[in-house]
Amino acid sequence: MKKLYYSIGEVSEITDIEPHVLRYWETIFTDLTPRKNKAGNRTYKENDITLILKLKELIQEKKYSTAGAKKIIEGEEPEPGKEKAKPLSAEVQKDLKEVKLFLEKLKEKL
């Protein structure tokens, strides 16, 4: 059952990450900022749990350091195997436009 907010205990159970690790990760990863309710308890949303699962994959399964995981999460460094595409040269862009025009004309004839 989906909920709007989850307690740190529930998130710990869902992700299999100890609460003290979750609190530690909050100090390192600026994207992980659960709100606190009036009682001062952390309340996590679905997107927080998704981020925690990604961090778990990077840190515990792929053995990244927290600094390395932070670079990947913040987009400063691509994850290996998922490199950013290099910009196309002007010549390739021109060729692609010509192919696009050709395909559009062909489509009109059909």
C-alpha atoms as a PDB file:
ATOM      1  CA  MET A   1       0.000   0.000   0.000  1.00  0.00           C
ATOM      2  CA  LYS A   2       1.423   3.344  -1.034  1.00  0.00           C
ATOM      3  CA  LYS A   3       1.527   6.107   1.519  1.00  0.00           C
ATOM      4  CA  LEU A   4       2.300   9.796   1.236  1.00  0.00           C
ATOM      5  CA  TYR A   5       4.858   9.727   4.036  1.00  0.00           C
ATOM      6  CA  TYR A   6       7.008   7.045   5.647  1.00  0.00           C
ATOM      7  CA  SER A   7       8.790   7.066   9.007  1.00  0.00           C
ATOM      8  CA  ILE A   8      12.515   6.402   9.252  1.00  0.00           C
ATOM      9  CA  GLY A   9      11.721   2.956  10.682  1.00  0.00           C
ATOM     10  CA  GLU A  10       9.498   2.104   7.725  1.00  0.00           C
ATOM     11  CA  VAL A  11      12.102   3.355   5.245  1.00  0.00           C
ATOM     12  CA  SER A  12      14.768   1.342   7.050  1.00  0.00           C
ATOM     13  CA  GLU A  13      12.625  -1.765   6.748  1.00  0.00           C
ATOM     14  CA  ILE A  14      11.762  -1.146   3.081  1.00  0.00           C
ATOM     15  CA  THR A  15      15.332  -0.410   1.992  1.00  0.00           C
ATOM     16  CA  ASP A  16      17.176  -2.642   4.457  1.00  0.00           C
ATOM     17  CA  ILE A  17      19.330   0.337   5.474  1.00  0.00           C
ATOM     18  CA  GLU A  18      19.883   1.065   9.169  1.00  0.00           C
ATOM     19  CA  PRO A  19      18.370   4.357  10.474  1.00  0.00           C
ATOM     20  CA  HIS A  20      21.786   5.689  11.538  1.00  0.00           C
ATOM     21  CA  VAL A  21      23.030   5.201   7.955  1.00  0.00           C
ATOM     22  CA  LEU A  22      20.008   7.079   6.596  1.00  0.00           C
ATOM     23  CA  ARG A  23      20.698   9.969   8.974  1.00  0.00           C
ATOM     24  CA  TYR A  24      24.370   9.947   7.944  1.00  0.00           C
ATOM     25  CA  TRP A  25      23.491   9.995   4.241  1.00  0.00           C
ATOM     26  CA  GLU A  26      21.314  13.068   4.883  1.00  0.00           C
ATOM     27  CA  THR A  27      24.450  14.954   5.937  1.00  0.00           C
ATOM     28  CA  ILE A  28      26.248  14.036   2.711  1.00  0.00           C
ATOM     29  CA  PHE A  29      23.606  14.011  -0.026  1.00  0.00           C
ATOM     30  CA  THR A  30      21.779  17.318  -0.401  1.00  0.00           C
ATOM     31  CA  ASP A  31      19.013  15.667  -2.449  1.00  0.00           C
ATOM     32  CA  LEU A  32      18.100  13.518   0.549  1.00  0.00           C
ATOM     33  CA  THR A  33      16.226  15.913   2.821  1.00  0.00           C
ATOM     34  CA  PRO A  34      13.214  14.337   4.496  1.00  0.00           C
ATOM     35  CA  ARG A  35      10.884  16.790   6.155  1.00  0.00           C
ATOM     36  CA  LYS A  36      10.267  16.658   9.865  1.00  0.00           C
ATOM     37  CA  ASN A  37       6.799  16.627  11.358  1.00  0.00           C
ATOM     38  CA  LYS A  38       5.715  18.671  14.392  1.00  0.00           C
ATOM     39  CA  ALA A  39       7.146  16.031  16.708  1.00  0.00           C
ATOM     40  CA  GLY A  40      10.533  16.302  14.938  1.00  0.00           C
ATOM     41  CA  ASN A  41      10.304  12.874  13.298  1.00  0.00           C
ATOM     42  CA  ARG A  42      11.573  12.458   9.755  1.00  0.00           C
ATOM     43  CA  THR A  43       8.939  11.892   7.078  1.00  0.00           C
ATOM     44  CA  TYR A  44      10.142  10.399   3.810  1.00  0.00           C
ATOM     45  CA  LYS A  45       8.346  10.534   0.449  1.00  0.00           C
ATOM     46  CA  GLU A  46       8.443   8.031  -2.429  1.00  0.00           C
ATOM     47  CA  ASN A  47      11.159  10.016  -4.224  1.00  0.00           C
ATOM     48  CA  ASP A  48      13.318   9.885  -1.068  1.00  0.00           C
ATOM     49  CA  ILE A  49      12.993   6.091  -0.996  1.00  0.00           C
ATOM     50  CA  THR A  50      13.892   5.905  -4.694  1.00  0.00           C
ATOM     51  CA  LEU A  51      17.023   7.981  -4.027  1.00  0.00           C
ATOM     52  CA  ILE A  52      17.941   5.828  -1.023  1.00  0.00           C
ATOM     53  CA  LEU A  53      17.641   2.672  -3.129  1.00  0.00           C
ATOM     54  CA  LYS A  54      19.885   4.254  -5.793  1.00  0.00           C
ATOM     55  CA  LEU A  55      22.423   5.198  -3.111  1.00  0.00           C
ATOM     56  CA  LYS A  56      22.275   1.674  -1.705  1.00  0.00           C
ATOM     57  CA  GLU A  57      23.004   0.289  -5.173  1.00  0.00           C
ATOM     58  CA  LEU A  58      25.939   2.634  -5.722  1.00  0.00           C
ATOM     59  CA  ILE A  59      27.495   2.448  -2.253  1.00  0.00           C
ATOM     60  CA  GLN A  60      26.752  -1.052  -1.003  1.00  0.00           C
ATOM     61  CA  GLU A  61      26.440  -3.071  -4.190  1.00  0.00           C
ATOM     62  CA  LYS A  62      28.746  -1.292  -6.656  1.00  0.00           C
ATOM     63  CA  LYS A  63      31.161  -0.268  -3.864  1.00  0.00           C
ATOM     64  CA  TYR A  64      31.360   3.459  -4.686  1.00  0.00           C
ATOM     65  CA  SER A  65      32.618   5.807  -2.024  1.00  0.00           C
ATOM     66  CA  THR A  66      30.090   8.338  -0.756  1.00  0.00           C
ATOM     67  CA  ALA A  67      32.022  11.026  -2.647  1.00  0.00           C
ATOM     68  CA  GLY A  68      31.821   9.014  -5.875  1.00  0.00           C
ATOM     69  CA  ALA A  69      28.119   8.316  -5.370  1.00  0.00           C
ATOM     70  CA  LYS A  70      27.538  12.021  -4.712  1.00  0.00           C
ATOM     71  CA  LYS A  71      29.154  12.959  -8.028  1.00  0.00           C
ATOM     72  CA  ILE A  72      26.938  10.494  -9.888  1.00  0.00           C
ATOM     73  CA  ILE A  73      23.748  11.567  -8.079  1.00  0.00           C
ATOM     74  CA  GLU A  74      24.476  15.256  -8.692  1.00  0.00           C
ATOM     75  CA  GLY A  75      25.212  14.560 -12.352  1.00  0.00           C
ATOM     76  CA  GLU A  76      28.802  15.743 -12.247  1.00  0.00           C
ATOM     77  CA  GLU A  77      30.070  12.356 -13.354  1.00  0.00           C
ATOM     78  CA  PRO A  78      28.247   9.742 -15.424  1.00  0.00           C
ATOM     79  CA  GLU A  79      27.879   6.247 -14.080  1.00  0.00           C
ATOM     80  CA  PRO A  80      30.208   3.860 -15.951  1.00  0.00           C
ATOM     81  CA  GLY A  81      28.406   2.382 -18.922  1.00  0.00           C
ATOM     82  CA  LYS A  82      26.089   5.378 -19.016  1.00  0.00           C
ATOM     83  CA  GLU A  83      28.382   8.051 -20.412  1.00  0.00           C
ATOM     84  CA  LYS A  84      26.857  11.287 -21.617  1.00  0.00           C
ATOM     85  CA  ALA A  85      26.480  11.595 -25.369  1.00  0.00           C
ATOM     86  CA  LYS A  86      29.001  13.833 -27.074  1.00  0.00           C
ATOM     87  CA  PRO A  87      27.626  16.739 -29.109  1.00  0.00           C
ATOM     88  CA  LEU A  88      27.261  16.026 -32.819  1.00  0.00           C
ATOM     89  CA  SER A  89      29.492  17.805 -35.291  1.00  0.00           C
ATOM     90  CA  ALA A  90      27.975  20.380 -37.612  1.00  0.00           C
ATOM     91  CA  GLU A  91      28.472  18.026 -40.576  1.00  0.00           C
ATOM     92  CA  VAL A  92      26.581  15.189 -38.874  1.00  0.00           C
ATOM     93  CA  GLN A  93      23.780  17.571 -37.854  1.00  0.00           C
ATOM     94  CA  LYS A  94      23.491  18.723 -41.482  1.00  0.00           C
ATOM     95  CA  ASP A  95      23.354  15.129 -42.715  1.00  0.00           C
ATOM     96  CA  LEU A  96      20.661  14.263 -40.183  1.00  0.00           C
ATOM     97  CA  LYS A  97      18.543  17.234 -41.279  1.00  0.00           C
ATOM     98  CA  GLU A  98      18.829  16.113 -44.895  1.00  0.00           C
ATOM     99  CA  VAL A  99      17.774  12.582 -43.969  1.00  0.00           C
ATOM    100  CA  LYS A 100      14.853  13.977 -41.974  1.00  0.00           C
ATOM    101  CA  LEU A 101      13.703  16.099 -44.910  1.00  0.00           C
ATOM    102  CA  PHE A 102      14.005  13.116 -47.248  1.00  0.00           C
ATOM    103  CA  LEU A 103      11.928  10.943 -44.882  1.00  0.00           C
ATOM    104  CA  GLU A 104       9.274  13.656 -44.498  1.00  0.00           C
ATOM    105  CA  LYS A 105       8.943  13.960 -48.303  1.00  0.00           C
ATOM    106  CA  LEU A 106       8.764  10.189 -48.611  1.00  0.00           C
ATOM    107  CA  LYS A 107       6.048  10.063 -45.965  1.00  0.00           C
ATOM    108  CA  GLU A 108       4.003  12.663 -47.855  1.00  0.00           C
ATOM    109  CA  LYS A 109       4.109  10.519 -50.980  1.00  0.00           C
ATOM    110  CA  LEU A 110       2.700   7.508 -49.144  1.00  0.00           C
END
